[in-house]
């Protein structure tokens, strides 16, 4: 039986390859209607681009890299994705968890996805300056170092272009507002697009 959080967000066709979004509250559209989130906007863009994919969203609010590592085998077995977007690590940083442990968990997820035959896109995050320069710099570097070592595509910072704009966030100051969801998709798209099949041309 499929665990409750592993929900297919959108389907193109039964035979379409699966694009799995594997993240935390940022990709789970926390505080928003599902249709407002960047994952649902991705579904719409794929349709516009004529790309036949089933988009599955296995993101869970509050998820850490350890939680993601613990459940990725089940997600890969269930969805059998062609592409996996890993958007995890932000909660590790906010909780001040070991960055070495985060690195190990990210590597494990990437390797599991590749072993299952999926292409991988790693999505990075940054922390507010109040966490201290040494920790925030090491945190930011973790994503680029893992992506380089594992030779996977990287989005350096999901909030690029609006991180310093208070109006782009919900009242908690952490989760992006609906108005910022399209910008996140635009940030992810250039790195995600090369991992996808060419559009199906009409006959």
N, C-alpha and C. Protein backbone atom coordinates (compact mmCIF):
# COMPACT_ATOMS: atom_id res chain seq x y z
N UNK A 1 0.85 -1.20 0.00
CA UNK A 1 0.00 0.00 0.00
C UNK A 1 0.87 1.24 0.00
N UNK A 2 0.53 2.20 -0.81
CA UNK A 2 1.32 3.43 -0.94
C UNK A 2 1.11 4.33 0.27
N UNK A 3 2.21 4.79 0.92
CA UNK A 3 2.07 5.72 2.05
C UNK A 3 1.33 6.98 1.63
N UNK A 4 0.56 7.55 2.54
CA UNK A 4 -0.30 8.69 2.22
C UNK A 4 0.43 9.86 1.57
N UNK A 5 1.67 10.24 1.99
CA UNK A 5 2.31 11.41 1.40
C UNK A 5 2.70 11.25 -0.06
N UNK A 6 2.84 10.00 -0.52
CA UNK A 6 3.26 9.79 -1.89
C UNK A 6 2.05 9.88 -2.81
N UNK A 7 1.80 11.07 -3.29
CA UNK A 7 0.59 11.33 -4.06
C UNK A 7 0.95 11.75 -5.47
N UNK A 8 0.30 11.14 -6.45
CA UNK A 8 0.50 11.58 -7.82
C UNK A 8 -0.20 12.92 -7.99
N UNK A 9 0.58 13.93 -8.31
CA UNK A 9 0.04 15.28 -8.40
C UNK A 9 -0.67 15.52 -9.71
N UNK A 10 -0.21 14.88 -10.76
CA UNK A 10 -0.81 15.10 -12.07
C UNK A 10 -0.40 13.98 -12.99
N UNK A 11 -1.24 13.68 -13.93
CA UNK A 11 -0.94 12.60 -14.86
C UNK A 11 -1.13 13.06 -16.29
N UNK A 12 -0.17 12.70 -17.15
CA UNK A 12 -0.28 13.02 -18.57
C UNK A 12 -0.94 11.85 -19.28
N UNK A 13 -0.37 10.67 -19.19
CA UNK A 13 -0.96 9.47 -19.75
C UNK A 13 -0.39 8.28 -19.01
N UNK A 14 -1.09 7.15 -19.12
CA UNK A 14 -0.68 5.97 -18.37
C UNK A 14 0.71 5.50 -18.76
N UNK A 15 1.09 5.72 -20.01
CA UNK A 15 2.38 5.22 -20.49
C UNK A 15 3.49 6.27 -20.38
N UNK A 16 3.17 7.44 -19.88
CA UNK A 16 4.15 8.52 -19.82
C UNK A 16 5.20 8.25 -18.76
N UNK A 17 6.46 8.64 -19.01
CA UNK A 17 7.48 8.52 -17.97
C UNK A 17 7.14 9.41 -16.79
N UNK A 18 7.65 9.04 -15.62
CA UNK A 18 7.33 9.77 -14.39
C UNK A 18 8.44 10.74 -14.04
N UNK A 19 8.05 11.94 -13.71
CA UNK A 19 8.93 12.97 -13.16
C UNK A 19 8.57 13.11 -11.69
N UNK A 20 9.48 12.68 -10.82
CA UNK A 20 9.21 12.65 -9.38
C UNK A 20 9.82 13.85 -8.69
N UNK A 21 8.99 14.61 -8.00
CA UNK A 21 9.45 15.72 -7.17
C UNK A 21 9.54 15.22 -5.74
N UNK A 22 10.74 15.25 -5.19
CA UNK A 22 11.01 14.63 -3.89
C UNK A 22 11.55 15.70 -2.95
N UNK A 23 10.64 16.35 -2.22
CA UNK A 23 11.08 17.49 -1.44
C UNK A 23 10.39 17.65 -0.11
N UNK A 24 10.40 18.88 0.38
CA UNK A 24 9.81 19.21 1.67
C UNK A 24 8.63 20.15 1.47
N UNK A 25 8.34 20.99 2.47
CA UNK A 25 7.16 21.85 2.40
C UNK A 25 7.19 22.83 1.24
N UNK A 26 8.38 23.21 0.79
CA UNK A 26 8.49 24.16 -0.32
C UNK A 26 7.88 23.58 -1.59
N UNK A 27 8.08 22.28 -1.80
CA UNK A 27 7.51 21.62 -2.97
C UNK A 27 6.14 21.02 -2.70
N UNK A 28 5.77 20.94 -1.43
CA UNK A 28 4.44 20.42 -1.06
C UNK A 28 3.39 21.53 -1.05
N UNK A 29 3.79 22.75 -1.45
CA UNK A 29 2.88 23.90 -1.51
C UNK A 29 2.27 24.21 -0.15
N UNK A 30 3.10 24.19 0.87
CA UNK A 30 2.64 24.48 2.23
C UNK A 30 1.99 25.87 2.29
N UNK A 31 0.81 25.92 2.89
CA UNK A 31 0.11 27.18 3.07
C UNK A 31 -0.61 27.69 1.83
N UNK A 32 -0.55 26.92 0.74
CA UNK A 32 -1.17 27.33 -0.52
C UNK A 32 -2.14 26.27 -1.00
N UNK A 33 -2.96 26.63 -1.96
CA UNK A 33 -3.74 25.61 -2.65
C UNK A 33 -2.79 24.82 -3.55
N UNK A 34 -3.04 23.54 -3.70
CA UNK A 34 -2.16 22.68 -4.47
C UNK A 34 -1.90 23.24 -5.87
N UNK A 35 -2.93 23.78 -6.48
CA UNK A 35 -2.79 24.28 -7.84
C UNK A 35 -1.92 25.53 -7.93
N UNK A 36 -1.61 26.15 -6.80
CA UNK A 36 -0.76 27.34 -6.81
C UNK A 36 0.72 27.01 -6.72
N UNK A 37 1.05 25.82 -6.29
CA UNK A 37 2.44 25.45 -6.07
C UNK A 37 3.26 25.31 -7.34
N UNK A 38 4.58 25.40 -7.22
CA UNK A 38 5.43 25.35 -8.41
C UNK A 38 5.38 23.99 -9.09
N UNK A 39 5.07 22.94 -8.33
CA UNK A 39 4.99 21.62 -8.94
C UNK A 39 3.80 21.53 -9.89
N UNK A 40 2.66 22.07 -9.48
CA UNK A 40 1.51 22.09 -10.36
C UNK A 40 1.75 23.01 -11.57
N UNK A 41 2.46 24.10 -11.36
CA UNK A 41 2.81 24.97 -12.48
C UNK A 41 3.74 24.24 -13.45
N UNK A 42 4.58 23.37 -12.91
CA UNK A 42 5.45 22.55 -13.77
C UNK A 42 4.61 21.64 -14.65
N UNK A 43 3.59 21.05 -14.09
CA UNK A 43 2.69 20.20 -14.87
C UNK A 43 2.13 20.98 -16.06
N UNK A 44 1.71 22.20 -15.79
CA UNK A 44 1.13 23.01 -16.85
C UNK A 44 2.17 23.37 -17.91
N UNK A 45 3.41 23.63 -17.49
CA UNK A 45 4.45 23.97 -18.45
C UNK A 45 4.79 22.77 -19.34
N UNK A 46 4.85 21.60 -18.76
CA UNK A 46 5.13 20.40 -19.54
C UNK A 46 4.07 20.21 -20.62
N UNK A 47 2.83 20.43 -20.24
CA UNK A 47 1.73 20.30 -21.21
C UNK A 47 1.88 21.33 -22.32
N UNK A 48 2.20 22.56 -21.94
CA UNK A 48 2.39 23.62 -22.94
C UNK A 48 3.53 23.30 -23.89
N UNK A 49 4.59 22.68 -23.34
CA UNK A 49 5.77 22.34 -24.15
C UNK A 49 5.57 21.06 -24.95
N UNK A 50 4.43 20.41 -24.79
CA UNK A 50 4.16 19.18 -25.52
C UNK A 50 4.95 18.00 -25.01
N UNK A 51 5.29 18.01 -23.72
CA UNK A 51 6.09 16.95 -23.13
C UNK A 51 5.20 16.05 -22.28
N UNK A 52 5.15 14.79 -22.64
CA UNK A 52 4.22 13.84 -22.03
C UNK A 52 4.87 13.19 -20.81
N UNK A 53 4.61 13.74 -19.64
CA UNK A 53 5.14 13.22 -18.38
C UNK A 53 4.03 13.12 -17.34
N UNK A 54 4.16 12.13 -16.48
CA UNK A 54 3.34 12.07 -15.28
C UNK A 54 4.16 12.70 -14.16
N UNK A 55 3.65 13.76 -13.57
CA UNK A 55 4.35 14.44 -12.48
C UNK A 55 3.82 13.88 -11.16
N UNK A 56 4.72 13.32 -10.36
CA UNK A 56 4.35 12.78 -9.06
C UNK A 56 5.06 13.59 -7.98
N UNK A 57 4.31 14.02 -6.99
CA UNK A 57 4.87 14.85 -5.92
C UNK A 57 4.92 14.04 -4.63
N UNK A 58 6.11 13.64 -4.23
CA UNK A 58 6.29 12.87 -3.00
C UNK A 58 6.93 13.74 -1.92
N UNK A 59 6.58 15.02 -1.93
CA UNK A 59 7.14 15.97 -0.96
C UNK A 59 6.32 15.97 0.32
N UNK A 60 7.01 16.11 1.45
CA UNK A 60 6.37 16.10 2.76
C UNK A 60 6.85 17.31 3.57
N UNK A 61 5.93 18.06 4.10
CA UNK A 61 6.29 19.21 4.93
C UNK A 61 7.09 18.73 6.14
N UNK A 62 8.20 19.44 6.43
CA UNK A 62 9.04 19.11 7.56
C UNK A 62 10.08 18.04 7.28
N UNK A 63 10.12 17.53 6.06
CA UNK A 63 11.04 16.45 5.72
C UNK A 63 12.50 16.89 5.79
N UNK A 64 13.34 16.00 6.30
CA UNK A 64 14.79 16.22 6.33
C UNK A 64 15.44 15.28 5.33
N UNK A 65 16.75 15.43 5.14
CA UNK A 65 17.45 14.52 4.22
C UNK A 65 17.43 13.09 4.77
N UNK A 66 17.46 12.94 6.08
CA UNK A 66 17.40 11.60 6.65
C UNK A 66 16.05 10.95 6.38
N UNK A 67 14.98 11.72 6.57
CA UNK A 67 13.65 11.19 6.27
C UNK A 67 13.53 10.81 4.80
N UNK A 68 14.07 11.67 3.94
CA UNK A 68 14.03 11.38 2.51
C UNK A 68 14.82 10.13 2.16
N UNK A 69 15.97 10.00 2.79
CA UNK A 69 16.79 8.81 2.54
C UNK A 69 16.05 7.55 2.98
N UNK A 70 15.38 7.63 4.11
CA UNK A 70 14.70 6.46 4.64
C UNK A 70 13.53 5.98 3.78
N UNK A 71 12.92 6.88 3.03
CA UNK A 71 11.74 6.47 2.27
C UNK A 71 11.95 6.44 0.76
N UNK A 72 13.16 6.75 0.28
CA UNK A 72 13.32 6.87 -1.15
C UNK A 72 13.20 5.52 -1.86
N UNK A 73 13.61 4.45 -1.22
CA UNK A 73 13.50 3.14 -1.88
C UNK A 73 12.05 2.83 -2.23
N UNK A 74 11.14 3.12 -1.30
CA UNK A 74 9.73 2.87 -1.55
C UNK A 74 9.18 3.76 -2.65
N UNK A 75 9.62 5.03 -2.65
CA UNK A 75 9.15 5.96 -3.68
C UNK A 75 9.63 5.53 -5.07
N UNK A 76 10.89 5.13 -5.15
CA UNK A 76 11.44 4.71 -6.44
C UNK A 76 10.76 3.43 -6.93
N UNK A 77 10.50 2.53 -6.02
CA UNK A 77 9.85 1.28 -6.41
C UNK A 77 8.43 1.53 -6.89
N UNK A 78 7.73 2.42 -6.21
CA UNK A 78 6.34 2.69 -6.58
C UNK A 78 6.21 3.48 -7.88
N UNK A 79 6.97 4.57 -7.99
CA UNK A 79 6.79 5.46 -9.13
C UNK A 79 7.65 5.10 -10.34
N UNK A 80 8.77 4.40 -10.11
CA UNK A 80 9.69 4.04 -11.19
C UNK A 80 9.96 5.26 -12.09
N UNK A 81 10.47 6.34 -11.51
CA UNK A 81 10.62 7.59 -12.26
C UNK A 81 11.75 7.57 -13.27
N UNK A 82 11.58 8.39 -14.30
CA UNK A 82 12.65 8.60 -15.28
C UNK A 82 13.54 9.75 -14.83
N UNK A 83 12.97 10.68 -14.08
CA UNK A 83 13.69 11.84 -13.56
C UNK A 83 13.27 12.08 -12.12
N UNK A 84 14.25 12.38 -11.26
CA UNK A 84 13.95 12.69 -9.85
C UNK A 84 14.54 14.07 -9.53
N UNK A 85 13.70 14.94 -9.01
CA UNK A 85 14.14 16.25 -8.53
C UNK A 85 14.20 16.18 -7.01
N UNK A 86 15.40 16.28 -6.44
CA UNK A 86 15.58 16.20 -4.99
C UNK A 86 15.68 17.61 -4.41
N UNK A 87 14.67 18.00 -3.66
CA UNK A 87 14.61 19.33 -3.04
C UNK A 87 14.52 19.13 -1.54
N UNK A 88 15.63 18.72 -0.94
CA UNK A 88 15.68 18.46 0.49
C UNK A 88 16.97 19.03 1.07
N UNK A 89 16.93 19.34 2.34
CA UNK A 89 18.10 19.89 3.02
C UNK A 89 17.80 21.16 3.78
N UNK A 90 16.78 21.89 3.35
CA UNK A 90 16.45 23.14 4.02
C UNK A 90 16.12 22.95 5.49
N UNK A 91 15.36 21.90 5.81
CA UNK A 91 15.01 21.66 7.22
C UNK A 91 16.21 21.21 8.03
N UNK A 92 17.16 20.53 7.39
CA UNK A 92 18.40 20.18 8.09
C UNK A 92 19.09 21.45 8.57
N UNK A 93 19.18 22.43 7.67
CA UNK A 93 19.85 23.68 8.00
C UNK A 93 19.11 24.47 9.06
N UNK A 94 17.80 24.56 8.93
CA UNK A 94 17.01 25.33 9.90
C UNK A 94 17.09 24.73 11.30
N UNK A 95 17.33 23.42 11.36
CA UNK A 95 17.44 22.75 12.66
C UNK A 95 18.89 22.63 13.13
N UNK A 96 19.82 23.14 12.33
CA UNK A 96 21.23 23.09 12.71
C UNK A 96 21.80 21.69 12.76
N UNK A 97 21.30 20.81 11.90
CA UNK A 97 21.75 19.43 11.89
C UNK A 97 23.14 19.31 11.27
N UNK A 98 23.77 18.17 11.49
CA UNK A 98 25.11 17.92 10.95
C UNK A 98 25.12 18.01 9.43
N UNK A 99 26.00 18.85 8.91
CA UNK A 99 26.09 18.99 7.46
C UNK A 99 26.74 17.78 6.82
N UNK A 100 27.59 17.11 7.54
CA UNK A 100 28.18 15.87 7.02
C UNK A 100 27.11 14.80 6.86
N UNK A 101 26.20 14.74 7.82
CA UNK A 101 25.10 13.78 7.72
C UNK A 101 24.19 14.15 6.55
N UNK A 102 23.93 15.44 6.38
CA UNK A 102 23.10 15.89 5.25
C UNK A 102 23.75 15.50 3.93
N UNK A 103 25.04 15.73 3.84
CA UNK A 103 25.78 15.38 2.63
C UNK A 103 25.66 13.87 2.34
N UNK A 104 25.87 13.07 3.37
CA UNK A 104 25.79 11.61 3.21
C UNK A 104 24.40 11.18 2.75
N UNK A 105 23.38 11.81 3.31
CA UNK A 105 22.00 11.47 2.94
C UNK A 105 21.68 11.88 1.50
N UNK A 106 22.14 13.05 1.09
CA UNK A 106 21.91 13.50 -0.28
C UNK A 106 22.59 12.56 -1.27
N UNK A 107 23.81 12.19 -0.98
CA UNK A 107 24.54 11.27 -1.86
C UNK A 107 23.81 9.94 -1.96
N UNK A 108 23.32 9.45 -0.83
CA UNK A 108 22.61 8.17 -0.82
C UNK A 108 21.36 8.24 -1.69
N UNK A 109 20.62 9.33 -1.61
CA UNK A 109 19.41 9.47 -2.42
C UNK A 109 19.73 9.57 -3.91
N UNK A 110 20.75 10.33 -4.22
CA UNK A 110 21.16 10.47 -5.62
C UNK A 110 21.57 9.12 -6.20
N UNK A 111 22.36 8.40 -5.46
CA UNK A 111 22.83 7.10 -5.95
C UNK A 111 21.70 6.09 -6.07
N UNK A 112 20.74 6.15 -5.14
CA UNK A 112 19.60 5.25 -5.22
C UNK A 112 18.77 5.54 -6.47
N UNK A 113 18.57 6.83 -6.75
CA UNK A 113 17.78 7.21 -7.92
C UNK A 113 18.48 6.80 -9.21
N UNK A 114 19.78 7.02 -9.27
CA UNK A 114 20.52 6.65 -10.48
C UNK A 114 20.55 5.14 -10.66
N UNK A 115 20.69 4.41 -9.56
CA UNK A 115 20.69 2.95 -9.64
C UNK A 115 19.36 2.45 -10.19
N UNK A 116 18.29 3.20 -9.89
CA UNK A 116 16.96 2.85 -10.38
C UNK A 116 16.74 3.31 -11.82
N UNK A 117 17.76 3.93 -12.41
CA UNK A 117 17.68 4.34 -13.81
C UNK A 117 17.17 5.74 -14.05
N UNK A 118 17.10 6.56 -13.01
CA UNK A 118 16.57 7.91 -13.14
C UNK A 118 17.68 8.95 -13.27
N UNK A 119 17.42 9.98 -14.05
CA UNK A 119 18.27 11.16 -14.06
C UNK A 119 17.92 11.99 -12.83
N UNK A 120 18.90 12.73 -12.31
CA UNK A 120 18.69 13.45 -11.05
C UNK A 120 19.01 14.93 -11.19
N UNK A 121 18.13 15.74 -10.59
CA UNK A 121 18.38 17.17 -10.44
C UNK A 121 18.35 17.48 -8.95
N UNK A 122 19.44 18.06 -8.45
CA UNK A 122 19.52 18.46 -7.04
C UNK A 122 19.21 19.95 -6.92
N UNK A 123 18.32 20.28 -6.01
CA UNK A 123 17.92 21.67 -5.80
C UNK A 123 18.49 22.17 -4.49
N UNK A 124 19.27 23.23 -4.55
CA UNK A 124 19.92 23.77 -3.37
C UNK A 124 19.11 24.83 -2.65
N UNK A 125 19.54 25.10 -1.43
CA UNK A 125 18.88 26.09 -0.58
C UNK A 125 19.95 26.89 0.16
N UNK A 126 19.58 28.05 0.68
CA UNK A 126 20.47 28.86 1.51
C UNK A 126 19.76 29.22 2.80
N UNK A 127 20.52 29.58 3.80
CA UNK A 127 19.98 29.92 5.11
C UNK A 127 20.07 31.42 5.38
N UNK A 128 19.20 31.94 6.25
CA UNK A 128 19.29 33.34 6.65
C UNK A 128 20.63 33.60 7.35
N UNK A 129 21.13 34.84 7.31
CA UNK A 129 22.42 35.15 7.90
C UNK A 129 22.49 34.98 9.42
N UNK A 130 21.34 34.95 10.08
CA UNK A 130 21.37 34.83 11.55
C UNK A 130 21.86 33.46 12.03
N UNK A 131 22.07 32.52 11.12
CA UNK A 131 22.62 31.22 11.50
C UNK A 131 24.14 31.25 11.58
N UNK A 132 24.72 32.39 11.25
CA UNK A 132 26.17 32.53 11.35
C UNK A 132 26.86 32.23 10.04
N UNK A 133 27.85 33.04 9.70
CA UNK A 133 28.53 32.90 8.41
C UNK A 133 29.18 31.54 8.20
N UNK A 134 29.92 31.00 9.16
CA UNK A 134 30.57 29.70 8.92
C UNK A 134 29.58 28.60 8.55
N UNK A 135 28.46 28.52 9.30
CA UNK A 135 27.48 27.47 9.05
C UNK A 135 26.73 27.70 7.74
N UNK A 136 26.32 28.94 7.48
CA UNK A 136 25.54 29.21 6.27
C UNK A 136 26.38 28.98 5.01
N UNK A 137 27.66 29.33 5.07
CA UNK A 137 28.52 29.12 3.91
C UNK A 137 28.75 27.63 3.67
N UNK A 138 28.98 26.88 4.74
CA UNK A 138 29.17 25.43 4.58
C UNK A 138 27.89 24.77 4.10
N UNK A 139 26.76 25.27 4.60
CA UNK A 139 25.47 24.72 4.18
C UNK A 139 25.27 24.94 2.68
N UNK A 140 25.48 26.16 2.22
CA UNK A 140 25.32 26.47 0.81
C UNK A 140 26.24 25.63 -0.07
N UNK A 141 27.47 25.46 0.38
CA UNK A 141 28.46 24.72 -0.41
C UNK A 141 28.15 23.23 -0.48
N UNK A 142 27.40 22.72 0.49
CA UNK A 142 27.10 21.29 0.51
C UNK A 142 26.45 20.84 -0.79
N UNK A 143 25.49 21.62 -1.29
CA UNK A 143 24.75 21.23 -2.49
C UNK A 143 25.65 21.21 -3.73
N UNK A 144 26.45 22.25 -3.89
CA UNK A 144 27.33 22.30 -5.07
C UNK A 144 28.40 21.22 -5.01
N UNK A 145 28.90 20.95 -3.82
CA UNK A 145 29.93 19.92 -3.68
C UNK A 145 29.37 18.53 -3.97
N UNK A 146 28.17 18.27 -3.48
CA UNK A 146 27.54 16.97 -3.75
C UNK A 146 27.24 16.82 -5.23
N UNK A 147 26.68 17.87 -5.83
CA UNK A 147 26.34 17.80 -7.26
C UNK A 147 27.59 17.57 -8.12
N UNK A 148 28.67 18.23 -7.77
CA UNK A 148 29.92 18.08 -8.52
C UNK A 148 30.49 16.68 -8.35
N UNK A 149 30.50 16.19 -7.11
CA UNK A 149 31.07 14.87 -6.85
C UNK A 149 30.26 13.76 -7.49
N UNK A 150 28.94 13.93 -7.50
CA UNK A 150 28.06 12.90 -8.04
C UNK A 150 27.70 13.14 -9.51
N UNK A 151 28.15 14.26 -10.04
CA UNK A 151 27.93 14.60 -11.45
C UNK A 151 26.45 14.62 -11.82
N UNK A 152 25.71 15.39 -11.05
CA UNK A 152 24.30 15.60 -11.34
C UNK A 152 24.03 17.08 -11.52
N UNK A 153 22.94 17.38 -12.20
CA UNK A 153 22.55 18.77 -12.44
C UNK A 153 22.17 19.43 -11.12
N UNK A 154 22.39 20.74 -11.05
CA UNK A 154 22.15 21.48 -9.80
C UNK A 154 21.44 22.80 -10.06
N UNK A 155 20.43 23.07 -9.24
CA UNK A 155 19.86 24.40 -9.10
C UNK A 155 20.45 24.95 -7.82
N UNK A 156 21.36 25.92 -7.87
CA UNK A 156 22.07 26.36 -6.67
C UNK A 156 21.17 26.88 -5.55
N UNK A 157 20.13 27.66 -5.90
CA UNK A 157 19.31 28.29 -4.86
C UNK A 157 17.90 28.46 -5.37
N UNK A 158 16.95 27.73 -4.79
CA UNK A 158 15.57 27.74 -5.27
C UNK A 158 14.92 29.10 -5.13
N UNK A 159 15.36 29.91 -4.15
CA UNK A 159 14.75 31.22 -3.93
C UNK A 159 15.50 32.34 -4.64
N UNK A 160 16.31 32.01 -5.59
CA UNK A 160 17.10 33.02 -6.31
C UNK A 160 16.17 34.07 -6.91
N UNK A 161 16.54 35.34 -6.71
CA UNK A 161 15.79 36.44 -7.29
C UNK A 161 14.72 37.04 -6.40
N UNK A 162 14.37 36.35 -5.30
CA UNK A 162 13.33 36.92 -4.43
C UNK A 162 13.57 36.67 -2.94
N UNK A 163 14.67 36.05 -2.59
CA UNK A 163 14.93 35.69 -1.19
C UNK A 163 14.90 36.91 -0.25
N UNK A 164 15.25 38.07 -0.77
CA UNK A 164 15.31 39.27 0.06
C UNK A 164 14.04 40.12 -0.01
N UNK A 165 12.98 39.58 -0.61
CA UNK A 165 11.73 40.33 -0.77
C UNK A 165 10.68 39.76 0.18
N UNK A 166 10.39 40.49 1.21
CA UNK A 166 9.45 40.02 2.24
C UNK A 166 8.08 39.72 1.65
N UNK A 167 7.66 40.49 0.66
CA UNK A 167 6.34 40.29 0.09
C UNK A 167 6.23 38.99 -0.72
N UNK A 168 7.36 38.38 -1.00
CA UNK A 168 7.35 37.12 -1.76
C UNK A 168 7.13 35.91 -0.87
N UNK A 169 6.97 36.15 0.45
CA UNK A 169 6.81 35.05 1.39
C UNK A 169 5.50 35.15 2.15
N UNK A 170 5.07 34.03 2.68
CA UNK A 170 3.89 34.00 3.53
C UNK A 170 4.21 34.64 4.88
N UNK A 171 3.23 34.69 5.75
CA UNK A 171 3.39 35.41 7.02
C UNK A 171 4.50 34.83 7.91
N UNK A 172 4.85 33.56 7.70
CA UNK A 172 5.90 32.96 8.52
C UNK A 172 7.30 33.39 8.09
N UNK A 173 7.40 34.04 6.94
CA UNK A 173 8.69 34.50 6.45
C UNK A 173 9.59 33.39 5.93
N UNK A 174 9.08 32.17 5.85
CA UNK A 174 9.87 31.02 5.41
C UNK A 174 9.37 30.44 4.10
N UNK A 175 8.05 30.30 4.00
CA UNK A 175 7.47 29.65 2.82
C UNK A 175 7.05 30.68 1.77
N UNK A 176 7.47 30.46 0.53
CA UNK A 176 7.13 31.40 -0.53
C UNK A 176 5.63 31.54 -0.74
N UNK A 177 5.21 32.74 -1.08
CA UNK A 177 3.82 33.01 -1.37
C UNK A 177 3.48 32.51 -2.77
N UNK A 178 2.20 32.53 -3.09
CA UNK A 178 1.76 32.08 -4.41
C UNK A 178 2.44 32.89 -5.51
N UNK A 179 2.67 34.17 -5.25
CA UNK A 179 3.26 35.05 -6.26
C UNK A 179 4.69 34.67 -6.63
N UNK A 180 5.37 33.88 -5.77
CA UNK A 180 6.75 33.49 -6.02
C UNK A 180 6.89 32.11 -6.66
N UNK A 181 5.80 31.39 -6.77
CA UNK A 181 5.87 30.01 -7.26
C UNK A 181 6.34 29.93 -8.71
N UNK A 182 5.87 30.84 -9.53
CA UNK A 182 6.30 30.86 -10.93
C UNK A 182 7.78 31.16 -11.07
N UNK A 183 8.28 32.00 -10.19
CA UNK A 183 9.71 32.33 -10.22
C UNK A 183 10.55 31.12 -9.84
N UNK A 184 10.07 30.33 -8.89
CA UNK A 184 10.79 29.11 -8.54
C UNK A 184 10.83 28.14 -9.71
N UNK A 185 9.71 28.01 -10.39
CA UNK A 185 9.68 27.14 -11.57
C UNK A 185 10.66 27.64 -12.62
N UNK A 186 10.71 28.94 -12.83
CA UNK A 186 11.64 29.51 -13.81
C UNK A 186 13.09 29.26 -13.40
N UNK A 187 13.35 29.17 -12.11
CA UNK A 187 14.70 28.89 -11.62
C UNK A 187 15.07 27.43 -11.85
N UNK A 188 14.11 26.55 -11.67
CA UNK A 188 14.36 25.11 -11.83
C UNK A 188 14.43 24.71 -13.30
N UNK A 189 13.60 25.30 -14.12
CA UNK A 189 13.39 24.85 -15.50
C UNK A 189 14.66 24.73 -16.35
N UNK A 190 15.56 25.71 -16.36
CA UNK A 190 16.74 25.60 -17.22
C UNK A 190 17.61 24.38 -16.93
N UNK A 191 17.64 23.94 -15.68
CA UNK A 191 18.41 22.75 -15.33
C UNK A 191 17.61 21.46 -15.51
N UNK A 192 16.30 21.56 -15.37
CA UNK A 192 15.45 20.39 -15.53
C UNK A 192 15.21 20.04 -17.00
N UNK A 193 15.04 21.04 -17.83
CA UNK A 193 14.67 20.81 -19.23
C UNK A 193 15.62 19.86 -19.96
N UNK A 194 16.95 19.96 -19.80
CA UNK A 194 17.84 19.04 -20.52
C UNK A 194 17.70 17.58 -20.10
N UNK A 195 17.08 17.33 -18.95
CA UNK A 195 16.92 15.96 -18.48
C UNK A 195 15.66 15.30 -19.03
N UNK A 196 14.82 16.06 -19.71
CA UNK A 196 13.54 15.58 -20.20
C UNK A 196 13.61 15.19 -21.66
N UNK A 197 12.73 14.30 -22.04
CA UNK A 197 12.64 13.88 -23.44
C UNK A 197 12.18 15.05 -24.30
N UNK A 198 12.52 14.97 -25.57
CA UNK A 198 12.07 15.99 -26.51
C UNK A 198 10.55 15.94 -26.62
N UNK A 199 9.91 17.07 -26.92
CA UNK A 199 8.46 17.08 -27.07
C UNK A 199 8.00 16.11 -28.16
N UNK A 200 6.80 15.60 -27.98
CA UNK A 200 6.20 14.73 -28.99
C UNK A 200 5.61 15.60 -30.08
N UNK A 201 6.11 15.43 -31.28
CA UNK A 201 5.62 16.25 -32.40
C UNK A 201 4.34 15.66 -32.98
N UNK A 202 3.33 16.48 -33.18
CA UNK A 202 2.08 15.97 -33.76
C UNK A 202 2.30 15.51 -35.20
N UNK A 203 1.63 14.46 -35.58
CA UNK A 203 1.76 13.94 -36.95
C UNK A 203 0.83 14.67 -37.89
